Amino acid sequence: MKILIASDIHGSAYYCRSLLERYREEKPDKLLLLGDILYHGPRNDLPREYAPKEVLAMLNEMKEEILCVRGNCDTEVDQMVLEFPILADYCILYAGNRMIFATHGHQHNTANPPMLKQGDVLLHGHTHVPVLEEFDGKYYINPGSVSIPKENSAHSYMVLEDGVFFWKDVETGETYRKAAL
């Protein structure tokens, strides 16, 4: 299975369009959103082309293709306008015999990890920084942010295919990092 993974759109119509363009090019089986879809949050500047109504319209058109977890900026009011579930705190995926615990990162993170066994993956956004690191025999992976990257990182997303993670630039689709666990 091929999954495109993205986090922290924060209401940017520009970067949502770019992400969906990459989605059409990549032809994955599913789009996994790691939260913070519509609202930019009080600590962030407005992202490019901040237009939450446009973002929700684009995403609602492909609701059958989306898996989503709740971010710290996502609320019940957002669920009222989005036609796919967004309020789950996490979802569980498997890549071979490796469990992937996908969440936003504001509750479960390396400081407060969920129950994972050796080799499992904690996948989350929230920090807006792309990461691959090992902690306590497990892996923490972050795709970075689609619209508001931090620490001079790219506007990015990730693809998971055949147990390999690819970090990609959302504007160009070019891979800038790759990891097989």
C-alpha atoms as a PDB file:
ATOM      1  CA  MET A   1       0.000   0.000   0.000  1.00  0.00           C
ATOM      2  CA  LYS A   2       1.165   3.515  -0.814  1.00  0.00           C
ATOM      3  CA  ILE A   3       0.170   6.334   1.552  1.00  0.00           C
ATOM      4  CA  LEU A   4       0.797  10.050   1.128  1.00  0.00           C
ATOM      5  CA  ILE A   5       1.249  11.658   4.572  1.00  0.00           C
ATOM      6  CA  ALA A   6       0.873  15.366   5.297  1.00  0.00           C
ATOM      7  CA  SER A   7       0.449  17.598   8.308  1.00  0.00           C
ATOM      8  CA  ASP A   8      -0.316  21.157   9.258  1.00  0.00           C
ATOM      9  CA  ILE A   9      -2.112  22.612   6.225  1.00  0.00           C
ATOM     10  CA  HIS A  10      -3.454  25.362   8.527  1.00  0.00           C
ATOM     11  CA  GLY A  11      -6.026  26.676   6.049  1.00  0.00           C
ATOM     12  CA  SER A  12      -3.610  27.450   3.207  1.00  0.00           C
ATOM     13  CA  ALA A  13      -5.463  27.038  -0.092  1.00  0.00           C
ATOM     14  CA  TYR A  14      -2.183  27.506  -1.981  1.00  0.00           C
ATOM     15  CA  TYR A  15      -0.362  24.669  -0.227  1.00  0.00           C
ATOM     16  CA  CYS A  16      -3.446  22.453  -0.133  1.00  0.00           C
ATOM     17  CA  ARG A  17      -3.692  22.770  -3.940  1.00  0.00           C
ATOM     18  CA  SER A  18       0.024  21.925  -4.219  1.00  0.00           C
ATOM     19  CA  LEU A  19      -0.441  18.909  -1.950  1.00  0.00           C
ATOM     20  CA  LEU A  20      -3.395  17.624  -3.958  1.00  0.00           C
ATOM     21  CA  GLU A  21      -1.453  18.096  -7.179  1.00  0.00           C
ATOM     22  CA  ARG A  22       1.295  15.886  -5.706  1.00  0.00           C
ATOM     23  CA  TYR A  23      -1.409  13.434  -4.593  1.00  0.00           C
ATOM     24  CA  ARG A  24      -2.703  13.122  -8.156  1.00  0.00           C
ATOM     25  CA  GLU A  25       0.853  12.639  -9.472  1.00  0.00           C
ATOM     26  CA  GLU A  26       1.873  10.111  -6.789  1.00  0.00           C
ATOM     27  CA  LYS A  27      -1.344   8.066  -7.107  1.00  0.00           C
ATOM     28  CA  PRO A  28      -1.307   6.701  -3.545  1.00  0.00           C
ATOM     29  CA  ASP A  29      -4.014   4.486  -2.069  1.00  0.00           C
ATOM     30  CA  LYS A  30      -4.794   6.946   0.738  1.00  0.00           C
ATOM     31  CA  LEU A  31      -4.018  10.439   2.006  1.00  0.00           C
ATOM     32  CA  LEU A  32      -3.222  10.514   5.737  1.00  0.00           C
ATOM     33  CA  LEU A  33      -3.591  13.960   7.315  1.00  0.00           C
ATOM     34  CA  LEU A  34      -1.914  14.416  10.700  1.00  0.00           C
ATOM     35  CA  GLY A  35      -4.101  17.301  11.836  1.00  0.00           C
ATOM     36  CA  ASP A  36      -4.295  21.098  11.865  1.00  0.00           C
ATOM     37  CA  ILE A  37      -6.278  21.317   8.660  1.00  0.00           C
ATOM     38  CA  LEU A  38      -8.260  24.575   8.602  1.00  0.00           C
ATOM     39  CA  TYR A  39      -7.200  26.961  11.364  1.00  0.00           C
ATOM     40  CA  HIS A  40      -3.793  28.654  11.491  1.00  0.00           C
ATOM     41  CA  GLY A  41      -3.620  28.845  15.296  1.00  0.00           C
ATOM     42  CA  PRO A  42      -2.819  31.860  17.478  1.00  0.00           C
ATOM     43  CA  ARG A  43       0.956  31.304  17.446  1.00  0.00           C
ATOM     44  CA  ASN A  44       1.341  31.115  13.669  1.00  0.00           C
ATOM     45  CA  ASP A  45       1.268  33.861  11.097  1.00  0.00           C
ATOM     46  CA  LEU A  46      -1.352  33.454   8.387  1.00  0.00           C
ATOM     47  CA  PRO A  47      -0.084  31.026   5.768  1.00  0.00           C
ATOM     48  CA  ARG A  48      -0.022  31.843   2.069  1.00  0.00           C
ATOM     49  CA  GLU A  49      -3.567  32.164   0.656  1.00  0.00           C
ATOM     50  CA  TYR A  50      -5.259  31.518   3.978  1.00  0.00           C
ATOM     51  CA  ALA A  51      -8.726  30.384   2.890  1.00  0.00           C
ATOM     52  CA  PRO A  52     -10.143  27.606   5.088  1.00  0.00           C
ATOM     53  CA  LYS A  53     -13.390  27.394   3.093  1.00  0.00           C
ATOM     54  CA  GLU A  54     -11.407  26.636  -0.071  1.00  0.00           C
ATOM     55  CA  VAL A  55      -9.354  24.010   1.767  1.00  0.00           C
ATOM     56  CA  LEU A  56     -12.433  22.247   3.123  1.00  0.00           C
ATOM     57  CA  ALA A  57     -14.051  22.244  -0.338  1.00  0.00           C
ATOM     58  CA  MET A  58     -10.940  20.699  -1.922  1.00  0.00           C
ATOM     59  CA  LEU A  59     -10.639  18.028   0.760  1.00  0.00           C
ATOM     60  CA  ASN A  60     -14.369  17.230   0.862  1.00  0.00           C
ATOM     61  CA  GLU A  61     -14.225  16.412  -2.863  1.00  0.00           C
ATOM     62  CA  MET A  62     -11.918  13.498  -2.046  1.00  0.00           C
ATOM     63  CA  LYS A  63     -13.342  12.462   1.324  1.00  0.00           C
ATOM     64  CA  GLU A  64     -13.283   8.727   0.530  1.00  0.00           C
ATOM     65  CA  GLU A  65      -9.507   8.835   0.071  1.00  0.00           C
ATOM     66  CA  ILE A  66      -8.642  10.547   3.379  1.00  0.00           C
ATOM     67  CA  LEU A  67      -7.605   9.208   6.772  1.00  0.00           C
ATOM     68  CA  CYS A  68      -7.200  11.921   9.400  1.00  0.00           C
ATOM     69  CA  VAL A  69      -6.271  12.487  13.023  1.00  0.00           C
ATOM     70  CA  ARG A  70      -7.113  15.511  15.132  1.00  0.00           C
ATOM     71  CA  GLY A  71      -4.611  18.320  15.567  1.00  0.00           C
ATOM     72  CA  ASN A  72      -4.509  20.823  18.403  1.00  0.00           C
ATOM     73  CA  CYS A  73      -6.098  23.442  16.100  1.00  0.00           C
ATOM     74  CA  ASP A  74      -8.926  21.128  14.930  1.00  0.00           C
ATOM     75  CA  THR A  75     -12.307  21.395  16.657  1.00  0.00           C
ATOM     76  CA  GLU A  76     -15.831  20.024  16.582  1.00  0.00           C
ATOM     77  CA  VAL A  77     -16.850  23.035  14.495  1.00  0.00           C
ATOM     78  CA  ASP A  78     -14.317  21.936  11.838  1.00  0.00           C
ATOM     79  CA  GLN A  79     -15.905  18.476  11.859  1.00  0.00           C
ATOM     80  CA  MET A  80     -19.260  20.098  11.101  1.00  0.00           C
ATOM     81  CA  VAL A  81     -17.965  21.297   7.712  1.00  0.00           C
ATOM     82  CA  LEU A  82     -15.533  18.512   6.819  1.00  0.00           C
ATOM     83  CA  GLU A  83     -17.181  15.387   5.391  1.00  0.00           C
ATOM     84  CA  PHE A  84     -14.581  12.890   6.627  1.00  0.00           C
ATOM     85  CA  PRO A  85     -13.718  12.034  10.233  1.00  0.00           C
ATOM     86  CA  ILE A  86     -11.091  14.347  11.790  1.00  0.00           C
ATOM     87  CA  LEU A  87     -11.562  13.947  15.541  1.00  0.00           C
ATOM     88  CA  ALA A  88      -9.691  10.691  16.248  1.00  0.00           C
ATOM     89  CA  ASP A  89      -6.623  11.208  18.431  1.00  0.00           C
ATOM     90  CA  TYR A  90      -4.660   8.588  16.506  1.00  0.00           C
ATOM     91  CA  CYS A  91      -4.808   5.819  13.954  1.00  0.00           C
ATOM     92  CA  ILE A  92      -2.818   2.622  13.690  1.00  0.00           C
ATOM     93  CA  LEU A  93      -1.206   1.491  10.440  1.00  0.00           C
ATOM     94  CA  TYR A  94       1.110  -1.404   9.691  1.00  0.00           C
ATOM     95  CA  ALA A  95       4.114  -1.596   7.405  1.00  0.00           C
ATOM     96  CA  GLY A  96       5.010  -5.265   7.403  1.00  0.00           C
ATOM     97  CA  ASN A  97       5.333  -6.296  11.052  1.00  0.00           C
ATOM     98  CA  ARG A  98       6.026  -2.707  12.181  1.00  0.00           C
ATOM     99  CA  MET A  99       3.197  -0.776  13.840  1.00  0.00           C
ATOM    100  CA  ILE A 100       2.858   2.914  12.965  1.00  0.00           C
ATOM    101  CA  PHE A 101       1.078   5.017  15.567  1.00  0.00           C
ATOM    102  CA  ALA A 102      -0.073   8.103  13.632  1.00  0.00           C
ATOM    103  CA  THR A 103      -1.139  11.130  15.658  1.00  0.00           C
ATOM    104  CA  HIS A 104      -0.761  14.902  15.606  1.00  0.00           C
ATOM    105  CA  GLY A 105       1.947  15.124  18.250  1.00  0.00           C
ATOM    106  CA  HIS A 106       0.536  17.532  20.810  1.00  0.00           C
ATOM    107  CA  GLN A 107      -0.502  14.691  23.140  1.00  0.00           C
ATOM    108  CA  HIS A 108       1.602  11.699  22.114  1.00  0.00           C
ATOM    109  CA  ASN A 109       5.228  12.483  21.274  1.00  0.00           C
ATOM    110  CA  THR A 110       8.698  11.316  22.318  1.00  0.00           C
ATOM    111  CA  ALA A 111       8.239  12.964  25.743  1.00  0.00           C
ATOM    112  CA  ASN A 112       4.880  11.186  26.180  1.00  0.00           C
ATOM    113  CA  PRO A 113       4.930   8.203  23.819  1.00  0.00           C
ATOM    114  CA  PRO A 114       2.097   5.734  23.338  1.00  0.00           C
ATOM    115  CA  MET A 115       2.679   2.056  24.037  1.00  0.00           C
ATOM    116  CA  LEU A 116       5.082   0.946  21.316  1.00  0.00           C
ATOM    117  CA  LYS A 117       7.331  -2.068  21.044  1.00  0.00           C
ATOM    118  CA  GLN A 118      10.902  -2.105  19.747  1.00  0.00           C
ATOM    119  CA  GLY A 119      11.015  -1.034  16.099  1.00  0.00           C
ATOM    120  CA  ASP A 120       7.556   0.550  16.028  1.00  0.00           C
ATOM    121  CA  VAL A 121       7.019   4.051  14.663  1.00  0.00           C
ATOM    122  CA  LEU A 122       5.574   7.152  16.277  1.00  0.00           C
ATOM    123  CA  LEU A 123       4.446   9.279  13.316  1.00  0.00           C
ATOM    124  CA  HIS A 124       3.339  12.826  14.011  1.00  0.00           C
ATOM    125  CA  GLY A 125       3.335  16.407  12.758  1.00  0.00           C
ATOM    126  CA  HIS A 126       2.748  19.383  15.083  1.00  0.00           C
ATOM    127  CA  THR A 127       6.341  20.653  15.281  1.00  0.00           C
ATOM    128  CA  HIS A 128       6.435  21.652  11.584  1.00  0.00           C
ATOM    129  CA  VAL A 129       9.926  20.132  11.322  1.00  0.00           C
ATOM    130  CA  PRO A 130      10.729  16.988   9.281  1.00  0.00           C
ATOM    131  CA  VAL A 131      12.371  14.355  11.493  1.00  0.00           C
ATOM    132  CA  LEU A 132      13.614  10.794  11.578  1.00  0.00           C
ATOM    133  CA  GLU A 133      15.170   9.775  14.858  1.00  0.00           C
ATOM    134  CA  GLU A 134      15.445   6.735  17.029  1.00  0.00           C
ATOM    135  CA  PHE A 135      14.314   6.855  20.660  1.00  0.00           C
ATOM    136  CA  ASP A 136      14.362   3.927  23.077  1.00  0.00           C
ATOM    137  CA  GLY A 137      14.587   1.418  20.210  1.00  0.00           C
ATOM    138  CA  LYS A 138      11.600   2.971  18.440  1.00  0.00           C
ATOM    139  CA  TYR A 139      11.357   5.548  15.651  1.00  0.00           C
ATOM    140  CA  TYR A 140       9.929   9.041  15.600  1.00  0.00           C
ATOM    141  CA  ILE A 141       9.054  10.291  12.130  1.00  0.00           C
ATOM    142  CA  ASN A 142       7.613  13.682  11.180  1.00  0.00           C
ATOM    143  CA  PRO A 143       6.707  14.795   7.633  1.00  0.00           C
ATOM    144  CA  GLY A 144       7.140  18.499   8.478  1.00  0.00           C
ATOM    145  CA  SER A 145       4.513  21.065   7.571  1.00  0.00           C
ATOM    146  CA  VAL A 146       2.758  21.570   4.261  1.00  0.00           C
ATOM    147  CA  SER A 147       2.177  25.302   4.820  1.00  0.00           C
ATOM    148  CA  ILE A 148       4.200  26.691   7.746  1.00  0.00           C
ATOM    149  CA  PRO A 149       7.552  24.886   7.920  1.00  0.00           C
ATOM    150  CA  LYS A 150       9.944  25.732  10.728  1.00  0.00           C
ATOM    151  CA  GLU A 151      13.711  25.649  11.236  1.00  0.00           C
ATOM    152  CA  ASN A 152      14.361  26.462   7.552  1.00  0.00           C
ATOM    153  CA  SER A 153      12.780  23.209   6.403  1.00  0.00           C
ATOM    154  CA  ALA A 154      10.896  22.718   3.136  1.00  0.00           C
ATOM    155  CA  HIS A 155       7.136  22.861   2.690  1.00  0.00           C
ATOM    156  CA  SER A 156       6.885  19.106   2.819  1.00  0.00           C
ATOM    157  CA  TYR A 157       4.928  15.887   2.849  1.00  0.00           C
ATOM    158  CA  MET A 158       5.883  12.230   2.955  1.00  0.00           C
ATOM    159  CA  VAL A 159       5.150   9.065   1.044  1.00  0.00           C
ATOM    160  CA  LEU A 160       5.232   5.629   2.651  1.00  0.00           C
ATOM    161  CA  GLU A 161       5.599   2.820   0.156  1.00  0.00           C
ATOM    162  CA  ASP A 162       6.856  -0.737   0.713  1.00  0.00           C
ATOM    163  CA  GLY A 163       8.229   0.185   4.150  1.00  0.00           C
ATOM    164  CA  VAL A 164      10.230   3.153   2.829  1.00  0.00           C
ATOM    165  CA  PHE A 165       9.540   6.759   3.872  1.00  0.00           C
ATOM    166  CA  PHE A 166      10.215   9.525   1.343  1.00  0.00           C
ATOM    167  CA  TRP A 167      10.234  13.191   2.427  1.00  0.00           C
ATOM    168  CA  LYS A 168       9.255  15.428  -0.473  1.00  0.00           C
ATOM    169  CA  ASP A 169       8.965  19.107  -1.291  1.00  0.00           C
ATOM    170  CA  VAL A 170       5.270  19.926  -1.762  1.00  0.00           C
ATOM    171  CA  GLU A 171       5.931  22.513  -4.476  1.00  0.00           C
ATOM    172  CA  THR A 172       8.202  20.364  -6.664  1.00  0.00           C
ATOM    173  CA  GLY A 173       7.497  16.782  -5.605  1.00  0.00           C
ATOM    174  CA  GLU A 174      11.248  16.168  -5.361  1.00  0.00           C
ATOM    175  CA  THR A 175      12.489  13.729  -2.728  1.00  0.00           C
ATOM    176  CA  TYR A 176      14.965  15.282  -0.315  1.00  0.00           C
ATOM    177  CA  ARG A 177      15.260  12.419   2.184  1.00  0.00           C
ATOM    178  CA  LYS A 178      14.562   8.705   2.189  1.00  0.00           C
ATOM    179  CA  ALA A 179      14.591   6.070   4.945  1.00  0.00           C
ATOM    180  CA  ALA A 180      13.921   2.355   4.954  1.00  0.00           C
ATOM    181  CA  LEU A 181      13.345   1.081   8.479  1.00  0.00           C
END
